[in-house]
Amino acid sequence: IEILSGPAARVLGANAFAGAINIVTSAKQTDNLSLSASTGQYGFSKLNATGTMVTEKSNNFLSLAKSKSGGYTDFTEFDRYNLFYHGELQTENTTFSYQVGYDYKDFGANSFYSSKYREQYETTKTTFAAVKANTGNKVKITPSIYWRRLNDHYSMVIDTSYTFHAYNLTDIFGANLNFTMKTPIGKTALGFDYRTENIYSNNRGFEI
């Protein structure tokens, strides 16, 4: 648990003005495999598998999941898939952390956007990836880059004759570089951040 007070907390996010508490979870130290299954009302079921592989200099975590439900009422059913990988590589002076993931969800959106239309339906696909490094002793340097893409397909009515469908694609890309230096009188932090968000839509056109 890392506690940062004052403006130095900026290295953990743009909105950390007065301070922040950073909780860093530890990775499993041994190889591990876990499988689980569950079921419930309204046709709900879920399968989940996670695994960890540890070597002398690396730690790898993989998770796969599938869930679905018939819905508690009309047009509330869903079908979902998840894939997530996280890895760490330790070199002599630097620790690299990287992750990649994919999420697919197909679901009924009964009255979600408008109570007039019950047969709303939506499909979302999310893909993301990130890489971060930690290096340095007296001066700690932490560069990172990340990317996230969301594909969204929305239909107000589940009907093959319905012609309007909303397609949206959102791309987010960012990079930041943080420096932290500890001295006898305290901690000094300096950070640089760049972020861009692009939206492509057959309804709104192109926005930045």
C-alpha atoms as a PDB file:
ATOM      1  CA  ILE A   1       0.000   0.000   0.000  1.00  0.00           C
ATOM      2  CA  GLU A   2       1.505   3.297  -1.161  1.00  0.00           C
ATOM      3  CA  ILE A   3       0.268   6.606   0.256  1.00  0.00           C
ATOM      4  CA  LEU A   4       1.024   9.770  -1.706  1.00  0.00           C
ATOM      5  CA  SER A   5       0.015  13.126  -0.268  1.00  0.00           C
ATOM      6  CA  GLY A   6      -0.127  16.473  -2.005  1.00  0.00           C
ATOM      7  CA  PRO A   7       0.422  17.144  -5.709  1.00  0.00           C
ATOM      8  CA  ALA A   8       2.927  14.278  -6.008  1.00  0.00           C
ATOM      9  CA  ALA A   9      -0.115  11.999  -6.310  1.00  0.00           C
ATOM     10  CA  ARG A  10      -0.467  13.356  -9.860  1.00  0.00           C
ATOM     11  CA  VAL A  11       1.663  10.420 -11.049  1.00  0.00           C
ATOM     12  CA  LEU A  12      -1.309   8.122 -10.317  1.00  0.00           C
ATOM     13  CA  GLY A  13      -3.847  10.107 -12.315  1.00  0.00           C
ATOM     14  CA  ALA A  14      -4.881  13.547 -13.472  1.00  0.00           C
ATOM     15  CA  ASN A  15      -7.602  13.863 -10.807  1.00  0.00           C
ATOM     16  CA  ALA A  16      -5.407  13.024  -7.797  1.00  0.00           C
ATOM     17  CA  PHE A  17      -5.059  16.624  -6.617  1.00  0.00           C
ATOM     18  CA  ALA A  18      -4.705  16.333  -2.839  1.00  0.00           C
ATOM     19  CA  GLY A  19      -3.383  12.791  -2.513  1.00  0.00           C
ATOM     20  CA  ALA A  20      -4.001   9.148  -3.328  1.00  0.00           C
ATOM     21  CA  ILE A  21      -3.778   5.661  -1.875  1.00  0.00           C
ATOM     22  CA  ASN A  22      -2.306   3.194  -4.365  1.00  0.00           C
ATOM     23  CA  ILE A  23      -2.981  -0.490  -3.632  1.00  0.00           C
ATOM     24  CA  VAL A  24      -0.616  -2.760  -5.565  1.00  0.00           C
ATOM     25  CA  THR A  25      -1.687  -6.407  -5.539  1.00  0.00           C
ATOM     26  CA  SER A  26       0.994  -9.089  -5.470  1.00  0.00           C
ATOM     27  CA  ALA A  27       1.193 -11.729  -8.174  1.00  0.00           C
ATOM     28  CA  LYS A  28       0.985 -15.424  -7.423  1.00  0.00           C
ATOM     29  CA  GLN A  29       4.396 -16.932  -6.782  1.00  0.00           C
ATOM     30  CA  THR A  30       3.609 -20.495  -7.937  1.00  0.00           C
ATOM     31  CA  ASP A  31       1.979 -22.104 -10.959  1.00  0.00           C
ATOM     32  CA  ASN A  32      -1.766 -22.253 -10.520  1.00  0.00           C
ATOM     33  CA  LEU A  33      -4.857 -23.433 -12.412  1.00  0.00           C
ATOM     34  CA  SER A  34      -8.428 -22.695 -11.380  1.00  0.00           C
ATOM     35  CA  LEU A  35     -11.697 -23.813 -12.999  1.00  0.00           C
ATOM     36  CA  SER A  36     -15.199 -22.837 -11.923  1.00  0.00           C
ATOM     37  CA  ALA A  37     -18.790 -23.195 -13.135  1.00  0.00           C
ATOM     38  CA  SER A  38     -22.015 -21.709 -11.882  1.00  0.00           C
ATOM     39  CA  THR A  39     -25.673 -21.649 -12.838  1.00  0.00           C
ATOM     40  CA  GLY A  40     -28.821 -19.882 -11.716  1.00  0.00           C
ATOM     41  CA  GLN A  41     -32.274 -18.655 -12.601  1.00  0.00           C
ATOM     42  CA  TYR A  42     -33.420 -17.486 -16.015  1.00  0.00           C
ATOM     43  CA  GLY A  43     -30.973 -19.712 -17.848  1.00  0.00           C
ATOM     44  CA  PHE A  44     -27.908 -18.139 -16.274  1.00  0.00           C
ATOM     45  CA  SER A  45     -24.620 -20.019 -16.563  1.00  0.00           C
ATOM     46  CA  LYS A  46     -20.952 -19.095 -16.277  1.00  0.00           C
ATOM     47  CA  LEU A  47     -17.701 -20.921 -16.983  1.00  0.00           C
ATOM     48  CA  ASN A  48     -14.386 -19.476 -15.842  1.00  0.00           C
ATOM     49  CA  ALA A  49     -10.769 -20.627 -16.128  1.00  0.00           C
ATOM     50  CA  THR A  50      -7.675 -18.861 -14.807  1.00  0.00           C
ATOM     51  CA  GLY A  51      -4.047 -19.917 -14.834  1.00  0.00           C
ATOM     52  CA  THR A  52      -0.714 -18.602 -13.639  1.00  0.00           C
ATOM     53  CA  MET A  53       2.724 -19.632 -14.899  1.00  0.00           C
ATOM     54  CA  VAL A  54       5.781 -18.416 -13.000  1.00  0.00           C
ATOM     55  CA  THR A  55       9.413 -18.552 -14.111  1.00  0.00           C
ATOM     56  CA  GLU A  56      12.561 -17.122 -12.591  1.00  0.00           C
ATOM     57  CA  LYS A  57      12.121 -13.718 -14.242  1.00  0.00           C
ATOM     58  CA  SER A  58       8.505 -13.624 -15.377  1.00  0.00           C
ATOM     59  CA  ASN A  59       4.967 -14.013 -14.122  1.00  0.00           C
ATOM     60  CA  ASN A  60       2.083 -14.779 -16.493  1.00  0.00           C
ATOM     61  CA  PHE A  61      -1.653 -14.739 -15.759  1.00  0.00           C
ATOM     62  CA  LEU A  62      -4.426 -15.788 -18.180  1.00  0.00           C
ATOM     63  CA  SER A  63      -8.187 -15.696 -17.653  1.00  0.00           C
ATOM     64  CA  LEU A  64     -10.998 -17.000 -19.869  1.00  0.00           C
ATOM     65  CA  ALA A  65     -14.711 -16.669 -19.103  1.00  0.00           C
ATOM     66  CA  LYS A  66     -18.085 -17.231 -20.772  1.00  0.00           C
ATOM     67  CA  SER A  67     -21.469 -16.325 -19.331  1.00  0.00           C
ATOM     68  CA  LYS A  68     -25.027 -16.151 -20.625  1.00  0.00           C
ATOM     69  CA  SER A  69     -28.607 -15.692 -19.465  1.00  0.00           C
ATOM     70  CA  GLY A  70     -32.074 -15.978 -20.961  1.00  0.00           C
ATOM     71  CA  GLY A  71     -33.067 -12.781 -19.173  1.00  0.00           C
ATOM     72  CA  TYR A  72     -35.464 -12.136 -16.305  1.00  0.00           C
ATOM     73  CA  THR A  73     -37.971 -10.656 -18.775  1.00  0.00           C
ATOM     74  CA  ASP A  74     -38.251 -10.182 -22.543  1.00  0.00           C
ATOM     75  CA  PHE A  75     -35.197  -8.694 -24.268  1.00  0.00           C
ATOM     76  CA  THR A  76     -32.898  -8.794 -21.226  1.00  0.00           C
ATOM     77  CA  GLU A  77     -30.923 -11.860 -22.295  1.00  0.00           C
ATOM     78  CA  PHE A  78     -27.157 -11.666 -22.781  1.00  0.00           C
ATOM     79  CA  ASP A  79     -24.188 -13.649 -24.055  1.00  0.00           C
ATOM     80  CA  ARG A  80     -20.684 -12.634 -22.957  1.00  0.00           C
ATOM     81  CA  TYR A  81     -17.062 -13.728 -23.519  1.00  0.00           C
ATOM     82  CA  ASN A  82     -13.913 -12.464 -21.763  1.00  0.00           C
ATOM     83  CA  LEU A  83     -10.209 -12.967 -22.411  1.00  0.00           C
ATOM     84  CA  PHE A  84      -7.487 -11.319 -20.318  1.00  0.00           C
ATOM     85  CA  TYR A  85      -3.719 -11.752 -20.105  1.00  0.00           C
ATOM     86  CA  HIS A  86      -1.279 -10.008 -17.791  1.00  0.00           C
ATOM     87  CA  GLY A  87       2.473 -10.529 -17.663  1.00  0.00           C
ATOM     88  CA  GLU A  88       5.512  -9.203 -15.839  1.00  0.00           C
ATOM     89  CA  LEU A  89       9.145  -9.485 -16.815  1.00  0.00           C
ATOM     90  CA  GLN A  90      11.953  -8.673 -14.393  1.00  0.00           C
ATOM     91  CA  THR A  91      15.360  -7.672 -15.740  1.00  0.00           C
ATOM     92  CA  GLU A  92      18.386  -6.534 -13.766  1.00  0.00           C
ATOM     93  CA  ASN A  93      17.197  -2.936 -13.305  1.00  0.00           C
ATOM     94  CA  THR A  94      13.737  -2.759 -14.873  1.00  0.00           C
ATOM     95  CA  THR A  95      10.342  -4.359 -14.395  1.00  0.00           C
ATOM     96  CA  PHE A  96       8.073  -4.562 -17.444  1.00  0.00           C
ATOM     97  CA  SER A  97       4.333  -5.015 -17.055  1.00  0.00           C
ATOM     98  CA  TYR A  98       2.013  -5.695 -19.987  1.00  0.00           C
ATOM     99  CA  GLN A  99      -1.602  -6.707 -20.491  1.00  0.00           C
ATOM    100  CA  VAL A 100      -4.082  -7.378 -23.264  1.00  0.00           C
ATOM    101  CA  GLY A 101      -7.770  -8.195 -23.172  1.00  0.00           C
ATOM    102  CA  TYR A 102     -10.938  -8.716 -25.176  1.00  0.00           C
ATOM    103  CA  ASP A 103     -14.588  -8.544 -24.105  1.00  0.00           C
ATOM    104  CA  TYR A 104     -17.640  -9.406 -26.233  1.00  0.00           C
ATOM    105  CA  LYS A 105     -21.215  -8.843 -25.089  1.00  0.00           C
ATOM    106  CA  ASP A 106     -24.457  -9.349 -27.002  1.00  0.00           C
ATOM    107  CA  PHE A 107     -27.502  -8.302 -24.967  1.00  0.00           C
ATOM    108  CA  GLY A 108     -31.082  -7.132 -24.974  1.00  0.00           C
ATOM    109  CA  ALA A 109     -31.486  -3.530 -23.825  1.00  0.00           C
ATOM    110  CA  ASN A 110     -35.166  -3.545 -22.891  1.00  0.00           C
ATOM    111  CA  SER A 111     -36.287   0.097 -22.366  1.00  0.00           C
ATOM    112  CA  PHE A 112     -32.673   1.106 -21.677  1.00  0.00           C
ATOM    113  CA  TYR A 113     -32.551   4.100 -24.015  1.00  0.00           C
ATOM    114  CA  SER A 114     -36.283   4.640 -24.409  1.00  0.00           C
ATOM    115  CA  SER A 115     -39.272   3.113 -22.588  1.00  0.00           C
ATOM    116  CA  LYS A 116     -41.233   3.310 -25.837  1.00  0.00           C
ATOM    117  CA  TYR A 117     -39.175   0.536 -27.445  1.00  0.00           C
ATOM    118  CA  ARG A 118     -38.759  -2.736 -25.540  1.00  0.00           C
ATOM    119  CA  GLU A 119     -37.027  -4.648 -28.336  1.00  0.00           C
ATOM    120  CA  GLN A 120     -33.751  -2.739 -28.198  1.00  0.00           C
ATOM    121  CA  TYR A 121     -30.592  -4.745 -28.739  1.00  0.00           C
ATOM    122  CA  GLU A 122     -26.884  -4.015 -28.526  1.00  0.00           C
ATOM    123  CA  THR A 123     -23.539  -5.663 -29.217  1.00  0.00           C
ATOM    124  CA  THR A 124     -20.259  -4.361 -27.793  1.00  0.00           C
ATOM    125  CA  LYS A 125     -16.689  -5.492 -28.441  1.00  0.00           C
ATOM    126  CA  THR A 126     -13.843  -4.081 -26.365  1.00  0.00           C
ATOM    127  CA  THR A 127     -10.143  -4.646 -27.070  1.00  0.00           C
ATOM    128  CA  PHE A 128      -7.360  -3.129 -24.992  1.00  0.00           C
ATOM    129  CA  ALA A 129      -3.610  -3.364 -24.440  1.00  0.00           C
ATOM    130  CA  ALA A 130      -1.067  -1.607 -22.218  1.00  0.00           C
ATOM    131  CA  VAL A 131       2.660  -1.708 -21.478  1.00  0.00           C
ATOM    132  CA  LYS A 132       4.433  -0.127 -18.503  1.00  0.00           C
ATOM    133  CA  ALA A 133       8.010  -0.119 -17.227  1.00  0.00           C
ATOM    134  CA  ASN A 134       9.559   0.773 -13.862  1.00  0.00           C
ATOM    135  CA  THR A 135      13.241   1.570 -13.712  1.00  0.00           C
ATOM    136  CA  GLY A 136      15.752   3.585 -11.699  1.00  0.00           C
ATOM    137  CA  ASN A 137      16.792   3.720  -8.057  1.00  0.00           C
ATOM    138  CA  LYS A 138      17.220   7.258  -6.722  1.00  0.00           C
ATOM    139  CA  VAL A 139      15.182   8.606  -9.611  1.00  0.00           C
ATOM    140  CA  LYS A 140      12.312   6.280 -10.499  1.00  0.00           C
ATOM    141  CA  ILE A 141      11.183   6.486 -14.135  1.00  0.00           C
ATOM    142  CA  THR A 142       7.835   5.009 -15.191  1.00  0.00           C
ATOM    143  CA  PRO A 143       6.857   5.219 -18.877  1.00  0.00           C
ATOM    144  CA  SER A 144       3.652   3.607 -20.129  1.00  0.00           C
ATOM    145  CA  ILE A 145       1.439   3.426 -23.216  1.00  0.00           C
ATOM    146  CA  TYR A 146      -2.113   2.142 -23.582  1.00  0.00           C
ATOM    147  CA  TRP A 147      -4.798   1.610 -26.221  1.00  0.00           C
ATOM    148  CA  ARG A 148      -8.512   0.782 -25.997  1.00  0.00           C
ATOM    149  CA  ARG A 149     -11.027   0.216 -28.800  1.00  0.00           C
ATOM    150  CA  LEU A 150     -14.797  -0.116 -28.388  1.00  0.00           C
ATOM    151  CA  ASN A 151     -17.083  -1.316 -31.193  1.00  0.00           C
ATOM    152  CA  ASP A 152     -20.757  -0.674 -30.480  1.00  0.00           C
ATOM    153  CA  HIS A 153     -23.716  -1.832 -32.597  1.00  0.00           C
ATOM    154  CA  TYR A 154     -27.158  -0.678 -31.430  1.00  0.00           C
ATOM    155  CA  SER A 155     -30.578  -1.425 -32.880  1.00  0.00           C
ATOM    156  CA  MET A 156     -33.777   0.093 -31.523  1.00  0.00           C
ATOM    157  CA  VAL A 157     -35.876  -2.829 -32.766  1.00  0.00           C
ATOM    158  CA  ILE A 158     -34.940  -6.495 -33.284  1.00  0.00           C
ATOM    159  CA  ASP A 159     -36.365  -6.786 -36.762  1.00  0.00           C
ATOM    160  CA  THR A 160     -34.636  -7.613 -40.033  1.00  0.00           C
ATOM    161  CA  SER A 161     -36.797  -5.015 -41.821  1.00  0.00           C
ATOM    162  CA  TYR A 162     -35.596  -2.256 -39.483  1.00  0.00           C
ATOM    163  CA  THR A 163     -33.092  -0.285 -41.536  1.00  0.00           C
ATOM    164  CA  PHE A 164     -31.392   2.057 -39.033  1.00  0.00           C
ATOM    165  CA  HIS A 165     -28.575   0.646 -36.974  1.00  0.00           C
ATOM    166  CA  ALA A 166     -26.142   2.773 -34.974  1.00  0.00           C
ATOM    167  CA  TYR A 167     -22.490   1.783 -35.384  1.00  0.00           C
ATOM    168  CA  ASN A 168     -19.889   3.492 -33.213  1.00  0.00           C
ATOM    169  CA  LEU A 169     -16.170   2.884 -32.954  1.00  0.00           C
ATOM    170  CA  THR A 170     -14.177   4.604 -30.192  1.00  0.00           C
ATOM    171  CA  ASP A 171     -10.383   4.570 -30.182  1.00  0.00           C
ATOM    172  CA  ILE A 172      -8.442   5.756 -27.133  1.00  0.00           C
ATOM    173  CA  PHE A 173      -4.669   6.014 -27.134  1.00  0.00           C
ATOM    174  CA  GLY A 174      -2.447   7.444 -24.436  1.00  0.00           C
ATOM    175  CA  ALA A 175       1.110   7.616 -23.179  1.00  0.00           C
ATOM    176  CA  ASN A 176       2.642   9.029 -20.042  1.00  0.00           C
ATOM    177  CA  LEU A 177       6.054   9.441 -18.481  1.00  0.00           C
ATOM    178  CA  ASN A 178       6.504   9.951 -14.744  1.00  0.00           C
ATOM    179  CA  PHE A 179       9.591  10.747 -12.691  1.00  0.00           C
ATOM    180  CA  THR A 180       9.781  10.340  -8.914  1.00  0.00           C
ATOM    181  CA  MET A 181      12.786  11.325  -6.811  1.00  0.00           C
ATOM    182  CA  LYS A 182      13.160  10.740  -3.076  1.00  0.00           C
ATOM    183  CA  THR A 183      15.350  13.090  -1.031  1.00  0.00           C
ATOM    184  CA  PRO A 184      15.855  13.614   2.729  1.00  0.00           C
ATOM    185  CA  ILE A 185      13.315  16.443   2.645  1.00  0.00           C
ATOM    186  CA  GLY A 186      10.569  14.538   0.797  1.00  0.00           C
ATOM    187  CA  LYS A 187       9.470  13.220  -2.587  1.00  0.00           C
ATOM    188  CA  THR A 188       9.425  15.158  -5.852  1.00  0.00           C
ATOM    189  CA  ALA A 189       7.305  14.001  -8.791  1.00  0.00           C
ATOM    190  CA  LEU A 190       7.104  15.189 -12.393  1.00  0.00           C
ATOM    191  CA  GLY A 191       4.774  13.780 -15.014  1.00  0.00           C
ATOM    192  CA  PHE A 192       3.923  14.146 -18.693  1.00  0.00           C
ATOM    193  CA  ASP A 193       0.712  12.783 -20.195  1.00  0.00           C
ATOM    194  CA  TYR A 194      -0.755  12.537 -23.698  1.00  0.00           C
ATOM    195  CA  ARG A 195      -4.209  11.149 -24.560  1.00  0.00           C
ATOM    196  CA  THR A 196      -6.360  11.137 -27.673  1.00  0.00           C
ATOM    197  CA  GLU A 197      -9.930   9.905 -28.158  1.00  0.00           C
ATOM    198  CA  ASN A 198     -11.415   9.392 -31.622  1.00  0.00           C
ATOM    199  CA  ILE A 199     -15.053   8.499 -32.344  1.00  0.00           C
ATOM    200  CA  TYR A 200     -16.255   7.135 -35.682  1.00  0.00           C
ATOM    201  CA  SER A 201     -20.032   6.869 -36.070  1.00  0.00           C
ATOM    202  CA  ASN A 202     -22.566   6.435 -38.873  1.00  0.00           C
ATOM    203  CA  ASN A 203     -24.840   8.690 -36.784  1.00  0.00           C
ATOM    204  CA  ARG A 204     -22.486  11.465 -35.632  1.00  0.00           C
ATOM    205  CA  GLY A 205     -19.763  11.216 -38.270  1.00  0.00           C
ATOM    206  CA  PHE A 206     -16.206  11.659 -37.036  1.00  0.00           C
ATOM    207  CA  GLU A 207     -15.243  13.417 -33.822  1.00  0.00           C
ATOM    208  CA  ILE A 208     -11.958  14.048 -32.026  1.00  0.00           C
END
